[in-house]
Amino acid sequence: MSYPFVPSYSNALVHLEAPIFRRAVDEACVNINAPRGLAIFSALAVMSLALQDIIEIETPYGKKIPPSLFLLPIAASGLGKSAVHDIFIKPIDEHEKAQQDVYEVAFKDWRARSDIWEKVKTTKEWKIAKLQENGMPHELEMQEYRAFLEEEPVRPRALKMKYEDATTAALFAGMHENHSSVGLMSAEGGTLFNSQALQDFPKLNKLWSNEPVTVDRISRESFTLRGGRLTILAMVQPGVLSSFLSSRGQGVRDSGFAARFLVCKVEPGPAGGIRGAFTPVWHSCDRFSDRTKYFLERNLEASKVADFRRAVVRLDPYATNQWNLFATFIESQKSIGGIYEHAWDHASKLAENALRVAALIHYFEGFSGDISVATLQVAIDICTLSSQAFLSTFVPPPEYVTDANVLYAWLKPRFEDTQSPVEKLHVLQFGPASLRRKERLDPALNELVRRKLVFLVRLSPRGRLCISGWAM
């Protein structure tokens, strides 16, 4: 199986008959001249947030996992991050606003009833205390008091689904006290990276993996968050991300937090259309919004059911076989010289991310049965493109590879000018300054030999070792 690299996001959905997802992406790209990668990632983030609390995925090895995605689109200023984000996030903003209005009414009612309850509670406690003080029987009053405590008005839960500038402590508290399925989402990821939102990597990792999160607090009661779901969409400028990685990059990689992200790098260039050249039509994006609102209502209904059971999504037998081939290929590329030689963390999550993307597309579109090969292949295409972006962002080439490139750039014109081999000793004496030590030159030279760009030769049995640009 060859690695299914696809050239660009322009053909990442070509295999998919998806009347909602694909057409909304196409329409957004044309109407606002948005880069396709940004549109795809924005749509996926909304799909993840809308579906993560009502479905779960059964993997081919029988484990149940959430469909939640961590998404990192990287794009310079002026490429349309905010514009495309606003298009797809609109139904979530509208839903939150409507539910906030409902919550405020419920909260005022609760506060009024709670104030009355507190006053009655104080009166009952005073009465029991007096009876105790006077040595009089008070068993009946205690029974009534205990029953009364069970009637304490329950504080309503706010349906807050989207956070942007919050500490991890505030995020987990919100998930515990209000809605446990949320998104950290920002069209200007600097807000997230420069705040305290992306700090506690191990706990964020646990949410991605569907593991319980224990939060210990000094001033308030500690708690364990179970079944919490988190989507992350951090659209960020390259400079902001570079600054973040320069200070915290090692922790991001070592903790496994970065490995969970799908990454999209948007380069300046032609996008989907010419802004202002026509009157835009939004039928497909409106249909995407309507579908999102439908699932948000399902979320609302689910939040009112104590024993709500999530729908289970799985691959069909043919897609399972394709997924296993993809996972096996990824595993094979973790060996020396493989694509993922220096990115085992990323490789270990890539096949699962493809499964999550496929499940979101399948359920959002309302496809019947289990996930098909066609839907899975689209997810693999998207994750493959993301993998390339991840490697270029988080896995700089090892020193010997960089040295090999420097060495070949120095050798190539000399081969062309003299048509003769170059002595290795000459390189050590007069070559690139960084390679004038044997411990740096030898690994770089071996890399060029491995690539068959140069060959090591001796012009005589006892002659000095030379570097040739062709086999001799």
Protein backbone atom coordinates (compact mmCIF):
# COMPACT_ATOMS: atom_id res chain seq x y z
CA MET A 1 0.00 0.00 0.00
CA SER A 2 1.52 3.34 -1.02
CA TYR A 3 1.02 6.28 1.28
CA PRO A 4 -2.15 8.00 0.04
CA PHE A 5 -0.78 11.53 -0.15
CA VAL A 6 -3.19 13.84 -1.95
CA PRO A 7 -1.79 17.00 -3.53
CA SER A 8 -3.92 19.58 -1.71
CA TYR A 9 -7.20 20.21 0.07
CA SER A 10 -8.69 21.12 -3.31
CA ASN A 11 -9.28 17.42 -4.01
CA ALA A 12 -9.56 16.11 -0.46
CA LEU A 13 -13.33 15.63 -0.78
CA VAL A 14 -13.51 14.47 -4.39
CA HIS A 15 -14.49 10.91 -3.42
CA LEU A 16 -17.31 12.03 -1.15
CA GLU A 17 -20.93 12.31 -2.11
CA ALA A 18 -21.71 14.58 0.84
CA PRO A 19 -24.52 16.98 0.01
CA ILE A 20 -24.12 18.92 3.26
CA PHE A 21 -20.45 18.99 4.32
CA ARG A 22 -18.80 19.14 0.92
CA ARG A 23 -21.19 21.65 -0.62
CA ALA A 24 -20.98 23.97 2.38
CA VAL A 25 -17.19 23.94 2.13
CA ASP A 26 -17.36 24.60 -1.62
CA GLU A 27 -19.82 27.45 -1.15
CA ALA A 28 -17.80 29.14 1.61
CA CYS A 29 -14.63 28.94 -0.48
CA VAL A 30 -16.30 30.53 -3.49
CA ASN A 31 -18.29 33.20 -1.64
CA ILE A 32 -15.53 34.62 0.56
CA ASN A 33 -12.44 33.42 -1.29
CA ALA A 34 -11.52 31.22 1.68
CA PRO A 35 -8.66 28.71 1.57
CA ARG A 36 -10.18 25.26 1.37
CA GLY A 37 -8.21 23.88 4.29
CA LEU A 38 -9.61 26.55 6.61
CA ALA A 39 -13.16 25.81 5.47
CA ILE A 40 -12.75 22.05 5.95
CA PHE A 41 -11.25 22.45 9.43
CA SER A 42 -13.88 25.01 10.50
CA ALA A 43 -16.69 22.71 9.38
CA LEU A 44 -15.12 19.70 11.09
CA ALA A 45 -14.78 21.64 14.35
CA VAL A 46 -18.47 22.52 14.35
CA MET A 47 -19.42 18.95 13.46
CA SER A 48 -17.23 17.67 16.30
CA LEU A 49 -18.76 20.01 18.87
CA ALA A 50 -22.32 19.29 17.70
CA LEU A 51 -21.92 15.50 17.68
CA GLN A 52 -19.37 14.64 20.37
CA ASP A 53 -21.92 14.31 23.16
CA ILE A 54 -24.48 12.22 21.26
CA ILE A 55 -22.32 9.64 19.45
CA GLU A 56 -19.37 7.43 20.22
CA ILE A 57 -17.19 5.30 17.98
CA GLU A 58 -16.55 1.60 18.30
CA THR A 59 -13.06 0.95 16.97
CA PRO A 60 -12.14 -2.21 15.04
CA TYR A 61 -10.51 -3.49 18.23
CA GLY A 62 -13.68 -2.98 20.29
CA LYS A 63 -12.81 0.16 22.25
CA LYS A 64 -15.34 2.99 22.58
CA ILE A 65 -13.90 6.43 21.83
CA PRO A 66 -15.37 9.93 21.40
CA PRO A 67 -15.43 11.61 17.97
CA SER A 68 -13.88 14.83 19.35
CA LEU A 69 -11.18 16.52 17.28
CA PHE A 70 -8.29 18.81 18.20
CA LEU A 71 -7.70 21.06 15.17
CA LEU A 72 -4.86 23.48 14.45
CA PRO A 73 -5.19 25.52 11.24
CA ILE A 74 -2.12 27.73 10.70
CA ALA A 75 -2.61 30.76 8.46
CA ALA A 76 -1.14 34.23 8.18
CA SER A 77 -3.21 37.34 8.79
CA GLY A 78 -5.52 38.26 5.96
CA LEU A 79 -6.22 34.72 4.73
CA GLY A 80 -9.78 34.62 6.06
CA LYS A 81 -9.58 32.79 9.38
CA SER A 82 -12.26 34.91 11.06
CA ALA A 83 -14.51 35.08 8.01
CA VAL A 84 -14.71 31.34 7.43
CA HIS A 85 -14.93 30.62 11.17
CA ASP A 86 -17.92 32.97 11.50
CA ILE A 87 -19.79 31.18 8.71
CA PHE A 88 -19.64 27.74 10.28
CA ILE A 89 -19.81 28.69 13.97
CA LYS A 90 -22.96 30.78 13.50
CA PRO A 91 -25.53 28.08 14.49
CA ILE A 92 -23.63 27.34 17.70
CA ASP A 93 -23.49 31.03 18.63
CA GLU A 94 -27.24 31.37 17.95
CA HIS A 95 -28.04 28.25 19.96
CA GLU A 96 -25.96 29.44 22.90
CA LYS A 97 -27.63 32.85 22.84
CA ALA A 98 -31.11 31.32 22.85
CA GLN A 99 -30.23 28.95 25.67
CA GLN A 100 -28.61 31.76 27.65
CA ASP A 101 -31.91 33.63 27.55
CA VAL A 102 -33.70 30.52 28.83
CA TYR A 103 -31.04 30.03 31.52
CA GLU A 104 -31.32 33.61 32.80
CA VAL A 105 -35.07 33.19 33.35
CA ALA A 106 -34.52 29.83 35.08
CA PHE A 107 -31.70 31.26 37.19
CA LYS A 108 -33.84 34.14 38.47
CA ASP A 109 -36.60 31.68 39.38
CA TRP A 110 -34.09 29.41 41.11
CA ARG A 111 -32.54 32.29 43.05
CA ALA A 112 -35.97 33.42 44.31
CA ARG A 113 -36.95 29.90 45.38
CA SER A 114 -33.50 29.33 46.89
CA ASP A 115 -33.70 32.49 48.97
CA ILE A 116 -37.06 31.37 50.38
CA TRP A 117 -35.74 27.87 50.98
CA GLU A 118 -32.73 29.27 52.89
CA LYS A 119 -35.00 31.34 55.14
CA VAL A 120 -37.22 28.35 55.90
CA LYS A 121 -34.09 26.27 56.54
CA THR A 122 -32.83 28.84 59.03
CA THR A 123 -36.21 28.86 60.82
CA LYS A 124 -36.29 25.06 61.09
CA GLU A 125 -32.71 24.96 62.39
CA TRP A 126 -33.52 27.60 64.99
CA LYS A 127 -36.60 25.65 66.13
CA ILE A 128 -34.63 22.37 66.46
CA ALA A 129 -31.83 24.16 68.32
CA LYS A 130 -34.32 25.58 70.83
CA LEU A 131 -35.87 22.18 71.42
CA GLN A 132 -32.40 20.70 72.01
CA GLU A 133 -31.50 23.57 74.32
CA ASN A 134 -34.61 22.98 76.43
CA GLY A 135 -34.12 19.20 76.45
CA MET A 136 -37.38 18.59 74.64
CA PRO A 137 -38.07 15.80 72.10
CA HIS A 138 -37.30 16.81 68.53
CA GLU A 139 -37.14 13.55 66.54
CA LEU A 140 -40.18 14.47 64.43
CA GLU A 141 -38.73 17.90 63.65
CA MET A 142 -35.44 16.26 62.58
CA GLN A 143 -37.26 13.91 60.23
CA GLU A 144 -39.10 16.84 58.70
CA TYR A 145 -35.82 18.77 58.45
CA ARG A 146 -34.08 15.92 56.62
CA ALA A 147 -36.97 15.64 54.17
CA PHE A 148 -36.86 19.40 53.70
CA LEU A 149 -33.14 19.28 52.82
CA GLU A 150 -33.96 16.88 50.00
CA GLU A 151 -36.21 19.56 48.50
CA GLU A 152 -33.44 22.13 48.05
CA PRO A 153 -33.97 23.92 44.71
CA VAL A 154 -31.48 22.67 42.12
CA ARG A 155 -29.42 25.35 40.44
CA PRO A 156 -30.08 25.30 36.66
CA ARG A 157 -27.19 24.38 34.37
CA ALA A 158 -26.08 26.89 31.77
CA LEU A 159 -25.69 25.42 28.30
CA LYS A 160 -22.30 26.99 27.65
CA MET A 161 -20.66 25.02 24.85
CA LYS A 162 -17.96 27.36 23.58
CA TYR A 163 -14.99 28.81 25.45
CA GLU A 164 -12.27 31.06 24.07
CA ASP A 165 -10.36 32.83 26.83
CA ALA A 166 -10.58 30.65 29.94
CA THR A 167 -8.11 29.04 32.27
CA THR A 168 -8.08 25.26 32.38
CA ALA A 169 -9.43 25.53 35.93
CA ALA A 170 -12.38 27.61 34.70
CA LEU A 171 -12.91 25.23 31.77
CA PHE A 172 -13.09 22.13 33.96
CA ALA A 173 -15.27 23.90 36.54
CA GLY A 174 -17.65 24.94 33.77
CA MET A 175 -17.79 21.40 32.43
CA HIS A 176 -18.50 20.08 35.93
CA GLU A 177 -21.10 22.65 36.94
CA ASN A 178 -22.77 23.30 33.58
CA HIS A 179 -22.43 21.50 30.26
CA SER A 180 -19.81 18.74 30.07
CA SER A 181 -19.46 18.78 26.26
CA VAL A 182 -17.63 21.92 25.16
CA GLY A 183 -15.26 23.45 22.67
CA LEU A 184 -12.18 25.64 23.02
CA MET A 185 -12.57 27.58 19.80
CA SER A 186 -10.96 30.72 18.45
CA ALA A 187 -10.42 32.25 15.03
CA GLU A 188 -7.45 34.04 16.58
CA GLY A 189 -5.61 31.21 18.29
CA GLY A 190 -3.25 33.66 19.93
CA THR A 191 -6.05 34.16 22.46
CA LEU A 192 -5.78 30.49 23.39
CA PHE A 193 -2.01 30.17 23.19
CA ASN A 194 -1.35 33.37 25.14
CA SER A 195 -3.91 32.59 27.84
CA GLN A 196 -4.08 29.90 30.50
CA ALA A 197 -6.48 27.81 28.40
CA LEU A 198 -3.85 25.46 26.96
CA GLN A 199 -1.84 24.73 30.08
CA ASP A 200 -2.72 21.43 31.73
CA PHE A 201 -1.79 19.10 28.86
CA PRO A 202 -2.31 15.77 30.71
CA LYS A 203 -5.90 16.65 31.65
CA LEU A 204 -6.69 17.86 28.12
CA ASN A 205 -5.23 14.61 26.79
CA LYS A 206 -7.55 12.65 29.05
CA LEU A 207 -10.59 14.43 27.67
CA TRP A 208 -9.50 13.53 24.12
CA SER A 209 -9.09 9.90 25.21
CA ASN A 210 -12.41 9.71 27.10
CA GLU A 211 -10.76 9.22 30.47
CA PRO A 212 -12.00 10.67 33.80
CA VAL A 213 -10.33 13.90 34.91
CA THR A 214 -9.81 14.60 38.61
CA VAL A 215 -9.57 18.27 39.57
CA ASP A 216 -8.19 19.03 43.02
CA ARG A 217 -9.08 22.44 44.45
CA ILE A 218 -7.97 24.15 47.66
CA SER A 219 -10.77 26.64 48.28
CA ARG A 220 -13.63 24.61 46.81
CA GLU A 221 -14.69 20.98 46.72
CA SER A 222 -12.62 18.76 44.40
CA PHE A 223 -14.39 16.72 41.73
CA THR A 224 -13.92 14.08 39.05
CA LEU A 225 -15.22 14.86 35.57
CA ARG A 226 -16.50 11.72 33.84
CA GLY A 227 -17.68 11.53 30.25
CA GLY A 228 -16.52 15.05 29.43
CA ARG A 229 -16.05 15.85 25.74
CA LEU A 230 -13.77 18.54 24.32
CA THR A 231 -13.26 19.92 20.80
CA ILE A 232 -10.38 22.33 20.15
CA LEU A 233 -10.15 24.67 17.18
CA ALA A 234 -7.19 27.03 17.39
CA MET A 235 -6.72 29.07 14.22
CA VAL A 236 -3.33 30.65 14.64
CA GLN A 237 -0.80 32.79 12.83
CA PRO A 238 2.60 31.17 12.20
CA GLY A 239 4.48 33.72 14.33
CA VAL A 240 2.21 33.23 17.33
CA LEU A 241 2.59 29.47 17.12
CA SER A 242 6.37 29.75 16.76
CA SER A 243 6.56 31.88 19.90
CA PHE A 244 4.44 29.38 21.80
CA LEU A 245 6.51 26.43 20.64
CA SER A 246 9.80 28.17 21.43
CA SER A 247 8.74 28.43 25.06
CA ARG A 248 6.58 25.34 25.50
CA GLY A 249 7.25 23.20 22.44
CA GLN A 250 9.09 20.45 24.28
CA GLY A 251 6.28 20.05 26.79
CA VAL A 252 3.68 20.06 24.01
CA ARG A 253 5.45 17.15 22.30
CA ASP A 254 6.59 15.22 25.37
CA SER A 255 3.12 15.25 26.92
CA GLY A 256 1.53 13.86 23.75
CA PHE A 257 -0.74 16.91 23.47
CA ALA A 258 0.50 17.95 20.03
CA ALA A 259 0.16 14.39 18.72
CA ARG A 260 -3.61 14.55 19.09
CA PHE A 261 -3.95 17.54 16.74
CA LEU A 262 -4.86 17.58 13.09
CA VAL A 263 -2.82 20.39 11.53
CA CYS A 264 -3.52 22.48 8.44
CA LYS A 265 -0.94 24.91 7.05
CA VAL A 266 -2.43 27.47 4.70
CA GLU A 267 -0.05 29.16 2.29
CA PRO A 268 -0.97 32.44 0.54
CA GLY A 269 -2.29 31.79 -2.94
CA PRO A 270 -5.43 31.26 -4.99
CA ALA A 271 -8.46 30.20 -3.00
CA GLY A 272 -11.99 29.44 -4.04
CA GLY A 273 -13.32 32.55 -5.71
CA ILE A 274 -13.11 36.30 -6.25
CA ARG A 275 -14.70 38.28 -3.43
CA GLY A 276 -17.21 40.84 -4.66
CA ALA A 277 -17.39 39.44 -8.20
CA PHE A 278 -21.00 38.27 -7.71
CA THR A 279 -23.83 38.20 -5.21
CA PRO A 280 -23.15 35.21 -2.94
CA VAL A 281 -25.74 32.52 -2.43
CA TRP A 282 -25.67 30.69 0.91
CA HIS A 283 -28.06 27.76 0.36
CA SER A 284 -25.49 25.05 1.17
CA CYS A 285 -24.09 26.83 4.22
CA ASP A 286 -27.65 27.42 5.45
CA ARG A 287 -28.32 23.71 5.08
CA PHE A 288 -25.14 22.98 7.06
CA SER A 289 -26.36 25.36 9.77
CA ASP A 290 -29.80 23.73 9.87
CA ARG A 291 -28.22 20.31 10.25
CA THR A 292 -25.99 21.62 13.04
CA LYS A 293 -29.01 23.13 14.84
CA TYR A 294 -30.79 19.77 14.63
CA PHE A 295 -27.93 18.08 16.47
CA LEU A 296 -27.68 20.90 18.99
CA GLU A 297 -31.33 20.27 19.87
CA ARG A 298 -30.45 16.61 20.27
CA ASN A 299 -27.69 17.69 22.67
CA LEU A 300 -30.23 19.69 24.64
CA GLU A 301 -32.59 16.73 24.89
CA ALA A 302 -29.72 14.43 25.90
CA SER A 303 -28.65 16.79 28.70
CA LYS A 304 -32.07 16.29 30.33
CA VAL A 305 -31.85 12.48 30.34
CA ALA A 306 -29.82 10.98 33.19
CA ASP A 307 -29.14 7.65 31.46
CA PHE A 308 -28.87 8.93 27.88
CA ARG A 309 -27.17 6.39 25.60
CA ARG A 310 -25.03 7.70 22.79
CA ALA A 311 -25.42 6.31 19.28
CA VAL A 312 -22.60 3.92 18.37
CA VAL A 313 -20.86 4.42 15.01
CA ARG A 314 -18.51 1.82 13.50
CA LEU A 315 -16.81 0.88 10.22
CA ASP A 316 -18.36 -1.64 7.85
CA PRO A 317 -16.24 -4.76 7.08
CA TYR A 318 -14.67 -3.29 3.92
CA ALA A 319 -13.82 -0.02 5.64
CA THR A 320 -12.42 -1.98 8.58
CA ASN A 321 -10.04 -3.75 6.21
CA GLN A 322 -9.00 -0.42 4.66
CA TRP A 323 -8.47 1.14 8.09
CA ASN A 324 -6.31 -1.79 9.19
CA LEU A 325 -4.17 -1.37 6.06
CA PHE A 326 -3.77 2.34 6.82
CA ALA A 327 -2.87 1.66 10.46
CA THR A 328 -0.39 -1.06 9.46
CA PHE A 329 1.29 1.23 6.96
CA ILE A 330 1.64 3.97 9.57
CA GLU A 331 3.20 1.49 11.95
CA SER A 332 5.69 0.38 9.31
CA GLN A 333 6.78 3.99 8.79
CA LYS A 334 7.93 4.34 12.41
CA SER A 335 11.13 2.44 11.59
CA ILE A 336 14.48 4.06 10.77
CA GLY A 337 14.18 6.05 7.58
CA GLY A 338 10.37 5.93 7.68
CA ILE A 339 8.02 8.88 7.53
CA TYR A 340 7.37 8.71 11.27
CA GLU A 341 10.86 7.78 12.48
CA HIS A 342 10.86 10.92 14.61
CA ALA A 343 7.11 11.24 15.20
CA TRP A 344 5.97 8.09 16.97
CA ASP A 345 3.62 10.13 19.14
CA HIS A 346 1.83 11.58 16.11
CA ALA A 347 1.79 8.26 14.28
CA SER A 348 0.14 6.51 17.22
CA LYS A 349 -2.90 8.84 16.99
CA LEU A 350 -3.20 9.30 13.21
CA ALA A 351 -5.31 6.24 12.36
CA GLU A 352 -7.65 6.99 15.26
CA ASN A 353 -8.05 10.57 14.08
CA ALA A 354 -8.99 9.27 10.63
CA LEU A 355 -11.64 7.11 12.27
CA ARG A 356 -13.00 10.13 14.15
CA VAL A 357 -13.21 12.27 11.02
CA ALA A 358 -14.97 9.47 9.15
CA ALA A 359 -17.49 9.00 11.96
CA LEU A 360 -18.32 12.72 12.05
CA ILE A 361 -18.89 12.89 8.30
CA HIS A 362 -20.95 9.69 8.30
CA TYR A 363 -23.28 10.70 11.12
CA PHE A 364 -23.56 14.38 10.21
CA GLU A 365 -24.59 13.51 6.65
CA GLY A 366 -27.08 10.94 7.89
CA PHE A 367 -25.58 8.09 5.87
CA SER A 368 -27.26 4.74 6.52
CA GLY A 369 -25.57 1.67 7.98
CA ASP A 370 -21.94 1.66 9.07
CA ILE A 371 -19.11 3.86 7.81
CA SER A 372 -18.24 3.05 4.19
CA VAL A 373 -14.86 2.78 2.49
CA ALA A 374 -15.59 5.97 0.51
CA THR A 375 -16.21 8.01 3.66
CA LEU A 376 -13.16 6.53 5.38
CA GLN A 377 -10.96 7.33 2.37
CA VAL A 378 -11.97 11.00 2.55
CA ALA A 379 -11.01 11.00 6.24
CA ILE A 380 -7.67 9.34 5.39
CA ASP A 381 -7.02 11.98 2.72
CA ILE A 382 -7.68 14.80 5.19
CA CYS A 383 -5.55 13.20 7.90
CA THR A 384 -2.74 12.48 5.45
CA LEU A 385 -2.59 16.13 4.45
CA SER A 386 -2.70 17.02 8.12
CA SER A 387 0.16 14.64 8.80
CA GLN A 388 2.40 16.43 6.32
CA ALA A 389 1.60 19.73 8.04
CA PHE A 390 2.22 18.23 11.48
CA LEU A 391 5.64 16.94 10.48
CA SER A 392 6.74 20.25 9.00
CA THR A 393 5.48 22.10 12.10
CA PHE A 394 6.46 19.87 15.01
CA VAL A 395 9.18 17.57 13.65
CA PRO A 396 12.08 19.52 12.17
CA PRO A 397 14.50 17.26 10.30
CA PRO A 398 17.30 15.78 12.42
CA GLU A 399 20.69 17.46 12.35
CA TYR A 400 22.28 14.91 10.03
CA VAL A 401 19.55 15.49 7.43
CA THR A 402 20.00 19.25 7.56
CA ASP A 403 23.77 18.75 7.38
CA ALA A 404 23.36 16.43 4.39
CA ASN A 405 21.40 19.11 2.53
CA VAL A 406 24.08 21.71 3.30
CA LEU A 407 26.82 19.33 2.21
CA TYR A 408 25.15 18.43 -1.08
CA ALA A 409 24.52 22.10 -1.88
CA TRP A 410 28.28 22.63 -1.41
CA LEU A 411 29.36 19.52 -3.37
CA LYS A 412 27.03 19.73 -6.36
CA PRO A 413 28.61 22.75 -8.13
CA ARG A 414 32.06 21.25 -7.60
CA PHE A 415 31.01 18.00 -9.28
CA GLU A 416 29.63 20.02 -12.19
CA ASP A 417 32.71 22.25 -12.52
CA THR A 418 35.53 19.71 -12.21
CA GLN A 419 33.81 16.43 -13.14
CA SER A 420 36.11 14.91 -10.52
CA PRO A 421 35.61 13.37 -7.07
CA VAL A 422 36.23 15.55 -4.01
CA GLU A 423 38.51 14.26 -1.27
CA LYS A 424 36.85 13.83 2.08
CA LEU A 425 39.85 15.49 3.71
CA HIS A 426 39.29 18.53 1.49
CA VAL A 427 35.74 18.81 2.84
CA LEU A 428 37.02 18.61 6.42
CA GLN A 429 39.48 21.40 5.69
CA PHE A 430 37.56 23.70 3.35
CA GLY A 431 33.93 22.54 3.37
CA PRO A 432 30.99 24.16 5.14
CA ALA A 433 32.12 25.44 8.52
CA SER A 434 29.58 23.35 10.44
CA LEU A 435 30.88 20.14 8.81
CA ARG A 436 34.59 20.49 9.44
CA ARG A 437 34.41 17.95 12.22
CA LYS A 438 34.31 14.23 11.52
CA GLU A 439 31.44 13.63 13.95
CA ARG A 440 29.23 16.01 11.95
CA LEU A 441 30.49 15.18 8.46
CA ASP A 442 30.22 11.39 8.62
CA PRO A 443 26.46 11.19 9.42
CA ALA A 444 25.71 13.77 6.71
CA LEU A 445 27.84 11.89 4.20
CA ASN A 446 26.16 8.59 5.08
CA GLU A 447 22.76 10.21 4.51
CA LEU A 448 23.78 11.35 1.02
CA VAL A 449 25.09 7.87 0.26
CA ARG A 450 21.78 6.40 1.47
CA ARG A 451 19.91 8.71 -0.90
CA LYS A 452 22.32 7.70 -3.68
CA LEU A 453 23.25 11.32 -4.30
CA VAL A 454 26.96 10.63 -3.77
CA PHE A 455 29.26 7.62 -3.72
CA LEU A 456 32.41 6.99 -1.69
CA VAL A 457 35.39 5.83 -3.77
CA ARG A 458 39.17 5.37 -3.56
CA LEU A 459 41.03 6.23 -6.76
CA SER A 460 43.80 3.75 -5.81
CA PRO A 461 44.05 0.85 -3.37
CA ARG A 462 45.72 3.04 -0.78
CA GLY A 463 44.36 6.38 -1.96
CA ARG A 464 42.40 8.80 0.12
CA LEU A 465 38.65 8.42 0.43
CA CYS A 466 36.85 10.60 -2.12
CA ILE A 467 33.29 11.68 -2.68
CA SER A 468 31.93 11.23 -6.20
CA GLY A 469 28.76 12.47 -7.78
CA TRP A 470 28.36 9.28 -9.76
CA ALA A 471 29.11 5.57 -9.34
CA MET A 472 32.61 4.53 -10.35
